[in-house]
Amino acid sequence: EAEPVRPVREAPYVPVPQAQAETPPFGVERKRPATPPPQPGLSRAERRRMMREERKRKKE
């Protein structure tokens, strides 16, 4: 004969830790060590190029 099926209620309850309490406010983990601001004389294209290179460096 088939074994009695245990009700799901008997499964041990493992509380899910509150992620919100543990993680810092959004954006904090994204902050990188302060980099010197781009020189004011740069054109938009040069600034974009610098940002792109910085992003590449961060990915590695």
PDB file of N, CA and C in Angstrom:
ATOM      1  N   GLU A   1       0.841  -1.200   0.000  1.00  0.00           N
ATOM      2  CA  GLU A   1       0.000   0.000   0.000  1.00  0.00           C
ATOM      3  C   GLU A   1       0.883   1.259   0.000  1.00  0.00           C
ATOM      4  N   ALA A   2       0.378   2.364  -0.546  1.00  0.00           N
ATOM      5  CA  ALA A   2       1.166   3.597  -0.671  1.00  0.00           C
ATOM      6  C   ALA A   2       1.407   4.219   0.702  1.00  0.00           C
ATOM      7  N   GLU A   3       2.593   4.842   0.856  1.00  0.00           N
ATOM      8  CA  GLU A   3       2.856   5.480   2.153  1.00  0.00           C
ATOM      9  C   GLU A   3       2.023   6.754   2.262  1.00  0.00           C
ATOM     10  N   PRO A   4       1.607   7.070   3.475  1.00  0.00           N
ATOM     11  CA  PRO A   4       0.783   8.275   3.647  1.00  0.00           C
ATOM     12  C   PRO A   4       1.559   9.527   3.230  1.00  0.00           C
ATOM     13  N   VAL A   5       0.868  10.405   2.516  1.00  0.00           N
ATOM     14  CA  VAL A   5       1.518  11.628   2.051  1.00  0.00           C
ATOM     15  C   VAL A   5       1.512  12.641   3.186  1.00  0.00           C
ATOM     16  N   ARG A   6       2.703  13.140   3.514  1.00  0.00           N
ATOM     17  CA  ARG A   6       2.784  14.109   4.603  1.00  0.00           C
ATOM     18  C   ARG A   6       2.272  15.463   4.128  1.00  0.00           C
ATOM     19  N   PRO A   7       1.425  16.112   4.912  1.00  0.00           N
ATOM     20  CA  PRO A   7       0.958  17.437   4.486  1.00  0.00           C
ATOM     21  C   PRO A   7       2.133  18.405   4.348  1.00  0.00           C
ATOM     22  N   VAL A   8       2.006  19.311   3.402  1.00  0.00           N
ATOM     23  CA  VAL A   8       3.096  20.247   3.129  1.00  0.00           C
ATOM     24  C   VAL A   8       3.363  21.125   4.350  1.00  0.00           C
ATOM     25  N   ARG A   9       2.332  21.326   5.168  1.00  0.00           N
ATOM     26  CA  ARG A   9       2.466  22.191   6.330  1.00  0.00           C
ATOM     27  C   ARG A   9       3.610  21.752   7.252  1.00  0.00           C
ATOM     28  N   GLU A  10       3.947  20.438   7.216  1.00  0.00           N
ATOM     29  CA  GLU A  10       4.965  19.937   8.132  1.00  0.00           C
ATOM     30  C   GLU A  10       6.385  20.287   7.698  1.00  0.00           C
ATOM     31  N   ALA A  11       6.542  20.797   6.477  1.00  0.00           N
ATOM     32  CA  ALA A  11       7.889  21.141   6.026  1.00  0.00           C
ATOM     33  C   ALA A  11       8.477  22.184   6.972  1.00  0.00           C
ATOM     34  N   PRO A  12       9.762  22.025   7.318  1.00  0.00           N
ATOM     35  CA  PRO A  12      10.357  23.002   8.254  1.00  0.00           C
ATOM     36  C   PRO A  12      10.325  24.398   7.651  1.00  0.00           C
ATOM     37  N   TYR A  13       9.894  25.349   8.441  1.00  0.00           N
ATOM     38  CA  TYR A  13       9.771  26.716   7.938  1.00  0.00           C
ATOM     39  C   TYR A  13      11.096  27.432   8.123  1.00  0.00           C
ATOM     40  N   VAL A  14      11.655  27.903   6.998  1.00  0.00           N
ATOM     41  CA  VAL A  14      12.905  28.658   7.075  1.00  0.00           C
ATOM     42  C   VAL A  14      12.581  30.099   6.733  1.00  0.00           C
ATOM     43  N   PRO A  15      12.649  30.991   7.713  1.00  0.00           N
ATOM     44  CA  PRO A  15      12.314  32.384   7.414  1.00  0.00           C
ATOM     45  C   PRO A  15      13.287  32.973   6.403  1.00  0.00           C
ATOM     46  N   VAL A  16      12.757  33.737   5.463  1.00  0.00           N
ATOM     47  CA  VAL A  16      13.614  34.367   4.461  1.00  0.00           C
ATOM     48  C   VAL A  16      14.195  35.632   5.075  1.00  0.00           C
ATOM     49  N   PRO A  17      15.525  35.751   5.067  1.00  0.00           N
ATOM     50  CA  PRO A  17      16.105  36.965   5.660  1.00  0.00           C
ATOM     51  C   PRO A  17      15.650  38.208   4.910  1.00  0.00           C
ATOM     52  N   GLN A  18      15.427  39.273   5.629  1.00  0.00           N
ATOM     53  CA  GLN A  18      14.967  40.510   5.001  1.00  0.00           C
ATOM     54  C   GLN A  18      16.110  41.141   4.221  1.00  0.00           C
ATOM     55  N   ALA A  19      16.011  41.094   2.918  1.00  0.00           N
ATOM     56  CA  ALA A  19      17.086  41.628   2.087  1.00  0.00           C
ATOM     57  C   ALA A  19      17.224  43.139   2.291  1.00  0.00           C
ATOM     58  N   GLN A  20      16.099  43.824   2.447  1.00  0.00           N
ATOM     59  CA  GLN A  20      16.142  45.277   2.558  1.00  0.00           C
ATOM     60  C   GLN A  20      16.971  45.709   3.768  1.00  0.00           C
ATOM     61  N   ALA A  21      16.851  44.971   4.864  1.00  0.00           N
ATOM     62  CA  ALA A  21      17.550  45.369   6.074  1.00  0.00           C
ATOM     63  C   ALA A  21      19.059  45.205   5.918  1.00  0.00           C
ATOM     64  N   GLU A  22      19.486  44.175   5.158  1.00  0.00           N
ATOM     65  CA  GLU A  22      20.913  43.884   5.075  1.00  0.00           C
ATOM     66  C   GLU A  22      21.639  44.737   4.045  1.00  0.00           C
ATOM     67  N   THR A  23      20.971  45.008   2.919  1.00  0.00           N
ATOM     68  CA  THR A  23      21.668  45.724   1.853  1.00  0.00           C
ATOM     69  C   THR A  23      21.678  47.219   2.137  1.00  0.00           C
ATOM     70  N   PRO A  24      22.764  47.888   1.814  1.00  0.00           N
ATOM     71  CA  PRO A  24      22.809  49.348   1.997  1.00  0.00           C
ATOM     72  C   PRO A  24      21.816  50.027   1.067  1.00  0.00           C
ATOM     73  N   PRO A  25      21.457  51.265   1.325  1.00  0.00           N
ATOM     74  CA  PRO A  25      20.517  51.966   0.439  1.00  0.00           C
ATOM     75  C   PRO A  25      20.995  51.923  -1.004  1.00  0.00           C
ATOM     76  N   PHE A  26      20.055  51.894  -1.935  1.00  0.00           N
ATOM     77  CA  PHE A  26      20.403  51.715  -3.345  1.00  0.00           C
ATOM     78  C   PHE A  26      21.416  52.756  -3.791  1.00  0.00           C
ATOM     79  N   GLY A  27      22.436  52.307  -4.524  1.00  0.00           N
ATOM     80  CA  GLY A  27      23.407  53.244  -5.071  1.00  0.00           C
ATOM     81  C   GLY A  27      24.705  53.283  -4.282  1.00  0.00           C
ATOM     82  N   VAL A  28      24.661  52.884  -3.014  1.00  0.00           N
ATOM     83  CA  VAL A  28      25.872  52.989  -2.193  1.00  0.00           C
ATOM     84  C   VAL A  28      26.953  52.066  -2.727  1.00  0.00           C
ATOM     85  N   GLU A  29      26.567  50.820  -3.084  1.00  0.00           N
ATOM     86  CA  GLU A  29      27.583  49.864  -3.533  1.00  0.00           C
ATOM     87  C   GLU A  29      28.160  50.264  -4.890  1.00  0.00           C
ATOM     88  N   ARG A  30      27.457  51.152  -5.627  1.00  0.00           N
ATOM     89  CA  ARG A  30      27.959  51.573  -6.932  1.00  0.00           C
ATOM     90  C   ARG A  30      29.063  52.622  -6.807  1.00  0.00           C
ATOM     91  N   LYS A  31      29.093  53.317  -5.688  1.00  0.00           N
ATOM     92  CA  LYS A  31      30.071  54.405  -5.546  1.00  0.00           C
ATOM     93  C   LYS A  31      31.472  53.848  -5.653  1.00  0.00           C
ATOM     94  N   ARG A  32      32.262  54.416  -6.557  1.00  0.00           N
ATOM     95  CA  ARG A  32      33.658  53.980  -6.671  1.00  0.00           C
ATOM     96  C   ARG A  32      34.525  54.966  -5.913  1.00  0.00           C
ATOM     97  N   PRO A  33      35.748  54.568  -5.610  1.00  0.00           N
ATOM     98  CA  PRO A  33      36.632  55.529  -4.946  1.00  0.00           C
ATOM     99  C   PRO A  33      36.690  56.820  -5.753  1.00  0.00           C
ATOM    100  N   ALA A  34      36.703  57.948  -5.069  1.00  0.00           N
ATOM    101  CA  ALA A  34      36.581  59.234  -5.747  1.00  0.00           C
ATOM    102  C   ALA A  34      37.649  59.391  -6.822  1.00  0.00           C
ATOM    103  N   THR A  35      37.202  59.602  -8.055  1.00  0.00           N
ATOM    104  CA  THR A  35      38.140  59.843  -9.154  1.00  0.00           C
ATOM    105  C   THR A  35      38.182  61.343  -9.391  1.00  0.00           C
ATOM    106  N   PRO A  36      39.313  61.880  -9.792  1.00  0.00           N
ATOM    107  CA  PRO A  36      39.361  63.318 -10.048  1.00  0.00           C
ATOM    108  C   PRO A  36      38.361  63.692 -11.140  1.00  0.00           C
ATOM    109  N   PRO A  37      37.625  64.779 -10.995  1.00  0.00           N
ATOM    110  CA  PRO A  37      36.651  65.144 -12.024  1.00  0.00           C
ATOM    111  C   PRO A  37      37.356  65.419 -13.342  1.00  0.00           C
ATOM    112  N   PRO A  38      36.714  65.087 -14.463  1.00  0.00           N
ATOM    113  CA  PRO A  38      37.348  65.328 -15.757  1.00  0.00           C
ATOM    114  C   PRO A  38      37.696  66.804 -15.909  1.00  0.00           C
ATOM    115  N   GLN A  39      38.795  67.072 -16.593  1.00  0.00           N
ATOM    116  CA  GLN A  39      39.233  68.455 -16.766  1.00  0.00           C
ATOM    117  C   GLN A  39      38.126  69.267 -17.436  1.00  0.00           C
ATOM    118  N   PRO A  40      37.881  70.496 -16.953  1.00  0.00           N
ATOM    119  CA  PRO A  40      36.779  71.297 -17.493  1.00  0.00           C
ATOM    120  C   PRO A  40      36.951  71.641 -18.969  1.00  0.00           C
ATOM    121  N   GLY A  41      38.191  71.590 -19.481  1.00  0.00           N
ATOM    122  CA  GLY A  41      38.413  71.997 -20.864  1.00  0.00           C
ATOM    123  C   GLY A  41      38.058  70.927 -21.887  1.00  0.00           C
ATOM    124  N   LEU A  42      37.700  69.716 -21.432  1.00  0.00           N
ATOM    125  CA  LEU A  42      37.466  68.632 -22.391  1.00  0.00           C
ATOM    126  C   LEU A  42      36.168  68.836 -23.163  1.00  0.00           C
ATOM    127  N   SER A  43      36.188  68.404 -24.413  1.00  0.00           N
ATOM    128  CA  SER A  43      34.954  68.428 -25.196  1.00  0.00           C
ATOM    129  C   SER A  43      34.084  67.253 -24.771  1.00  0.00           C
ATOM    130  N   ARG A  44      32.829  67.264 -25.213  1.00  0.00           N
ATOM    131  CA  ARG A  44      31.918  66.195 -24.844  1.00  0.00           C
ATOM    132  C   ARG A  44      32.432  64.841 -25.323  1.00  0.00           C
ATOM    133  N   ALA A  45      32.959  64.797 -26.545  1.00  0.00           N
ATOM    134  CA  ALA A  45      33.449  63.531 -27.095  1.00  0.00           C
ATOM    135  C   ALA A  45      34.611  62.994 -26.257  1.00  0.00           C
ATOM    136  N   GLU A  46      35.522  63.907 -25.868  1.00  0.00           N
ATOM    137  CA  GLU A  46      36.661  63.458 -25.067  1.00  0.00           C
ATOM    138  C   GLU A  46      36.192  62.931 -23.713  1.00  0.00           C
ATOM    139  N   ARG A  47      35.199  63.644 -23.139  1.00  0.00           N
ATOM    140  CA  ARG A  47      34.679  63.198 -21.849  1.00  0.00           C
ATOM    141  C   ARG A  47      34.064  61.808 -21.990  1.00  0.00           C
ATOM    142  N   ARG A  48      33.294  61.614 -23.078  1.00  0.00           N
ATOM    143  CA  ARG A  48      32.664  60.309 -23.292  1.00  0.00           C
ATOM    144  C   ARG A  48      33.714  59.218 -23.432  1.00  0.00           C
ATOM    145  N   ARG A  49      34.794  59.541 -24.152  1.00  0.00           N
ATOM    146  CA  ARG A  49      35.838  58.538 -24.354  1.00  0.00           C
ATOM    147  C   ARG A  49      36.463  58.149 -23.006  1.00  0.00           C
ATOM    148  N   MET A  50      36.699  59.145 -22.177  1.00  0.00           N
ATOM    149  CA  MET A  50      37.281  58.853 -20.862  1.00  0.00           C
ATOM    150  C   MET A  50      36.346  57.970 -20.044  1.00  0.00           C
ATOM    151  N   MET A  51      35.057  58.291 -20.083  1.00  0.00           N
ATOM    152  CA  MET A  51      34.098  57.494 -19.320  1.00  0.00           C
ATOM    153  C   MET A  51      34.085  56.057 -19.819  1.00  0.00           C
ATOM    154  N   ARG A  52      34.127  55.888 -21.147  1.00  0.00           N
ATOM    155  CA  ARG A  52      34.092  54.548 -21.713  1.00  0.00           C
ATOM    156  C   ARG A  52      35.324  53.752 -21.275  1.00  0.00           C
ATOM    157  N   GLU A  53      36.495  54.404 -21.307  1.00  0.00           N
ATOM    158  CA  GLU A  53      37.715  53.700 -20.893  1.00  0.00           C
ATOM    159  C   GLU A  53      37.635  53.320 -19.417  1.00  0.00           C
ATOM    160  N   GLU A  54      37.071  54.223 -18.620  1.00  0.00           N
ATOM    161  CA  GLU A  54      36.944  53.938 -17.193  1.00  0.00           C
ATOM    162  C   GLU A  54      36.035  52.735 -16.979  1.00  0.00           C
ATOM    163  N   ARG A  55      34.930  52.683 -17.745  1.00  0.00           N
ATOM    164  CA  ARG A  55      33.998  51.571 -17.612  1.00  0.00           C
ATOM    165  C   ARG A  55      34.684  50.265 -17.994  1.00  0.00           C
ATOM    166  N   LYS A  56      35.474  50.300 -19.069  1.00  0.00           N
ATOM    167  CA  LYS A  56      36.199  49.093 -19.488  1.00  0.00           C
ATOM    168  C   LYS A  56      37.134  48.634 -18.377  1.00  0.00           C
ATOM    169  N   ARG A  57      37.845  49.602 -17.774  1.00  0.00           N
ATOM    170  CA  ARG A  57      38.779  49.257 -16.710  1.00  0.00           C
ATOM    171  C   ARG A  57      38.041  48.598 -15.546  1.00  0.00           C
ATOM    172  N   LYS A  58      36.850  49.111 -15.251  1.00  0.00           N
ATOM    173  CA  LYS A  58      36.092  48.580 -14.121  1.00  0.00           C
ATOM    174  C   LYS A  58      35.629  47.152 -14.398  1.00  0.00           C
ATOM    175  N   LYS A  59      35.289  46.853 -15.657  1.00  0.00           N
ATOM    176  CA  LYS A  59      34.792  45.514 -15.993  1.00  0.00           C
ATOM    177  C   LYS A  59      35.850  44.440 -15.778  1.00  0.00           C
ATOM    178  N   GLU A  60      37.109  44.760 -16.075  1.00  0.00           N
ATOM    179  CA  GLU A  60      38.158  43.733 -16.010  1.00  0.00           C
ATOM    180  C   GLU A  60      38.347  43.195 -14.598  1.00  0.00           C
TER     181      GLU A  60
END
